[in-house]
Amino acid sequence: MTKEQLRECIIEACVVDHSIDELATLLKKSPDYLQNFVIPDLVADGTLLRTKPSHSPGQTYMTNPKLDK
């Protein structure tokens, strides 16, 4: 799976909020990889939104409802 395909899968999955661990299980990827290399880019460009303040325990992510598809 390419990084772009992975990004698309995360965007689709996060219509309902998910934690890094849930996403890692769904996508069969390392939580560390998602947390360090994929999720930050999606948050930075506004594609994903944090559901809690940054670095909160139990952080989950959801797809930005204003995202143009």
N, C-alpha and C. Protein backbone atom coordinates (compact mmCIF):
# COMPACT_ATOMS: atom_id res chain seq x y z
N MET A 1 0.85 -1.17 0.00
CA MET A 1 0.00 0.00 0.00
C MET A 1 0.90 1.24 0.00
N THR A 2 0.62 2.14 -0.91
CA THR A 2 1.40 3.38 -0.96
C THR A 2 0.96 4.31 0.17
N LYS A 3 1.78 5.32 0.43
CA LYS A 3 1.43 6.28 1.48
C LYS A 3 0.14 7.01 1.12
N GLU A 4 -0.07 7.30 -0.16
CA GLU A 4 -1.30 7.97 -0.60
C GLU A 4 -2.51 7.07 -0.37
N GLN A 5 -2.39 5.79 -0.66
CA GLN A 5 -3.49 4.86 -0.41
C GLN A 5 -3.78 4.76 1.09
N LEU A 6 -2.73 4.75 1.89
CA LEU A 6 -2.88 4.72 3.33
C LEU A 6 -3.62 5.95 3.83
N ARG A 7 -3.24 7.11 3.30
CA ARG A 7 -3.92 8.37 3.66
C ARG A 7 -5.41 8.28 3.33
N GLU A 8 -5.73 7.77 2.15
CA GLU A 8 -7.14 7.66 1.74
C GLU A 8 -7.92 6.71 2.66
N CYS A 9 -7.30 5.61 3.05
CA CYS A 9 -7.94 4.66 3.96
C CYS A 9 -8.21 5.31 5.32
N ILE A 10 -7.27 6.09 5.80
CA ILE A 10 -7.44 6.78 7.08
C ILE A 10 -8.57 7.80 6.98
N ILE A 11 -8.60 8.56 5.90
CA ILE A 11 -9.65 9.55 5.70
C ILE A 11 -11.03 8.88 5.70
N GLU A 12 -11.14 7.75 5.01
CA GLU A 12 -12.41 7.03 4.97
C GLU A 12 -12.77 6.45 6.33
N ALA A 13 -11.80 5.88 7.03
CA ALA A 13 -12.06 5.26 8.33
C ALA A 13 -12.45 6.29 9.39
N CYS A 14 -11.91 7.47 9.29
CA CYS A 14 -12.11 8.48 10.34
C CYS A 14 -13.38 9.31 10.16
N VAL A 15 -14.30 8.82 9.34
CA VAL A 15 -15.62 9.43 9.33
C VAL A 15 -16.20 9.28 10.74
N VAL A 16 -15.83 8.20 11.41
CA VAL A 16 -16.10 7.99 12.82
C VAL A 16 -14.75 8.11 13.51
N ASP A 17 -14.70 8.79 14.66
CA ASP A 17 -13.39 9.01 15.28
C ASP A 17 -12.73 7.70 15.72
N HIS A 18 -11.39 7.69 15.56
CA HIS A 18 -10.58 6.52 15.90
C HIS A 18 -9.29 6.98 16.57
N SER A 19 -8.79 6.13 17.45
CA SER A 19 -7.48 6.36 18.05
C SER A 19 -6.40 5.83 17.11
N ILE A 20 -5.16 6.19 17.40
CA ILE A 20 -4.03 5.66 16.63
C ILE A 20 -4.02 4.13 16.69
N ASP A 21 -4.23 3.57 17.88
CA ASP A 21 -4.20 2.11 18.02
C ASP A 21 -5.31 1.45 17.20
N GLU A 22 -6.49 2.04 17.19
CA GLU A 22 -7.58 1.48 16.39
C GLU A 22 -7.24 1.53 14.91
N LEU A 23 -6.70 2.66 14.46
CA LEU A 23 -6.30 2.77 13.05
C LEU A 23 -5.21 1.76 12.71
N ALA A 24 -4.25 1.60 13.60
CA ALA A 24 -3.16 0.65 13.35
C ALA A 24 -3.71 -0.77 13.19
N THR A 25 -4.67 -1.14 14.02
CA THR A 25 -5.27 -2.46 13.92
C THR A 25 -6.05 -2.61 12.62
N LEU A 26 -6.85 -1.60 12.30
CA LEU A 26 -7.65 -1.65 11.05
C LEU A 26 -6.77 -1.75 9.82
N LEU A 27 -5.68 -1.01 9.82
CA LEU A 27 -4.83 -0.90 8.63
C LEU A 27 -3.62 -1.83 8.64
N LYS A 28 -3.46 -2.57 9.75
CA LYS A 28 -2.33 -3.49 9.90
C LYS A 28 -1.00 -2.76 9.73
N LYS A 29 -0.90 -1.63 10.42
CA LYS A 29 0.31 -0.80 10.41
C LYS A 29 0.74 -0.56 11.85
N SER A 30 1.98 -0.18 12.02
CA SER A 30 2.51 0.13 13.35
C SER A 30 1.91 1.43 13.87
N PRO A 31 1.46 1.45 15.13
CA PRO A 31 0.97 2.71 15.70
C PRO A 31 2.04 3.81 15.65
N ASP A 32 3.30 3.42 15.89
CA ASP A 32 4.39 4.41 15.86
C ASP A 32 4.54 5.01 14.47
N TYR A 33 4.45 4.18 13.44
CA TYR A 33 4.56 4.69 12.07
C TYR A 33 3.44 5.68 11.77
N LEU A 34 2.21 5.31 12.11
CA LEU A 34 1.07 6.21 11.87
C LEU A 34 1.24 7.51 12.65
N GLN A 35 1.62 7.38 13.91
CA GLN A 35 1.73 8.56 14.77
C GLN A 35 2.87 9.49 14.37
N ASN A 36 3.93 8.94 13.85
CA ASN A 36 5.10 9.77 13.53
C ASN A 36 5.19 10.21 12.07
N PHE A 37 4.60 9.46 11.15
CA PHE A 37 4.82 9.76 9.74
C PHE A 37 3.56 10.03 8.91
N VAL A 38 2.40 9.63 9.39
CA VAL A 38 1.20 9.78 8.57
C VAL A 38 0.21 10.77 9.19
N ILE A 39 -0.18 10.53 10.42
CA ILE A 39 -1.20 11.36 11.08
C ILE A 39 -0.78 12.83 11.17
N PRO A 40 0.47 13.14 11.54
CA PRO A 40 0.82 14.57 11.64
C PRO A 40 0.61 15.35 10.34
N ASP A 41 0.90 14.74 9.21
CA ASP A 41 0.69 15.41 7.91
C ASP A 41 -0.80 15.65 7.66
N LEU A 42 -1.63 14.67 8.01
CA LEU A 42 -3.08 14.81 7.80
C LEU A 42 -3.67 15.87 8.72
N VAL A 43 -3.14 15.97 9.94
CA VAL A 43 -3.61 17.01 10.86
C VAL A 43 -3.12 18.38 10.40
N ALA A 44 -1.86 18.45 9.99
CA ALA A 44 -1.26 19.73 9.57
C ALA A 44 -1.98 20.32 8.36
N ASP A 45 -2.43 19.47 7.43
CA ASP A 45 -3.10 20.01 6.25
C ASP A 45 -4.61 20.15 6.43
N GLY A 46 -5.10 19.86 7.65
CA GLY A 46 -6.52 20.06 7.95
C GLY A 46 -7.43 18.93 7.52
N THR A 47 -6.86 17.83 7.04
CA THR A 47 -7.67 16.69 6.61
C THR A 47 -8.27 15.96 7.79
N LEU A 48 -7.45 15.78 8.85
CA LEU A 48 -7.94 15.16 10.09
C LEU A 48 -7.98 16.21 11.18
N LEU A 49 -8.94 16.02 12.08
CA LEU A 49 -9.06 16.89 13.25
C LEU A 49 -8.85 16.06 14.50
N ARG A 50 -8.16 16.63 15.47
CA ARG A 50 -8.06 16.00 16.79
C ARG A 50 -9.39 16.22 17.51
N THR A 51 -9.82 15.22 18.28
CA THR A 51 -11.07 15.39 19.02
C THR A 51 -10.82 15.94 20.42
N LYS A 52 -9.55 16.01 20.81
CA LYS A 52 -9.15 16.55 22.12
C LYS A 52 -7.94 17.45 21.90
N PRO A 53 -7.59 18.26 22.90
CA PRO A 53 -6.39 19.08 22.75
C PRO A 53 -5.16 18.21 22.45
N SER A 54 -4.21 18.79 21.76
CA SER A 54 -3.00 18.09 21.35
C SER A 54 -2.35 17.34 22.51
N HIS A 55 -1.93 16.12 22.25
CA HIS A 55 -1.21 15.25 23.20
C HIS A 55 -2.06 14.83 24.40
N SER A 56 -3.39 14.89 24.29
CA SER A 56 -4.26 14.42 25.37
C SER A 56 -4.29 12.90 25.38
N PRO A 57 -4.36 12.30 26.56
CA PRO A 57 -4.54 10.84 26.62
C PRO A 57 -5.87 10.48 25.96
N GLY A 58 -5.91 9.37 25.29
CA GLY A 58 -7.14 8.94 24.63
C GLY A 58 -7.48 9.74 23.39
N GLN A 59 -6.47 10.39 22.80
CA GLN A 59 -6.69 11.20 21.60
C GLN A 59 -7.30 10.36 20.49
N THR A 60 -8.29 10.91 19.84
CA THR A 60 -8.84 10.29 18.65
C THR A 60 -8.87 11.33 17.53
N TYR A 61 -9.05 10.84 16.33
CA TYR A 61 -9.02 11.70 15.14
C TYR A 61 -10.26 11.44 14.31
N MET A 62 -10.72 12.50 13.65
CA MET A 62 -11.85 12.35 12.73
C MET A 62 -11.57 13.16 11.47
N THR A 63 -12.18 12.71 10.38
CA THR A 63 -12.04 13.42 9.12
C THR A 63 -12.75 14.77 9.22
N ASN A 64 -12.10 15.80 8.74
CA ASN A 64 -12.67 17.13 8.76
C ASN A 64 -13.98 17.14 7.94
N PRO A 65 -15.11 17.48 8.58
CA PRO A 65 -16.37 17.45 7.83
C PRO A 65 -16.42 18.49 6.70
N LYS A 66 -15.54 19.48 6.74
CA LYS A 66 -15.50 20.51 5.70
C LYS A 66 -14.61 20.11 4.53
N LEU A 67 -14.05 18.92 4.58
CA LEU A 67 -13.14 18.45 3.55
C LEU A 67 -13.87 18.28 2.22
N ASP A 68 -13.31 18.87 1.17
CA ASP A 68 -13.87 18.71 -0.17
C ASP A 68 -13.39 17.40 -0.75
N LYS A 69 -14.32 16.54 -1.10
CA LYS A 69 -13.94 15.24 -1.68
C LYS A 69 -14.12 15.25 -3.15
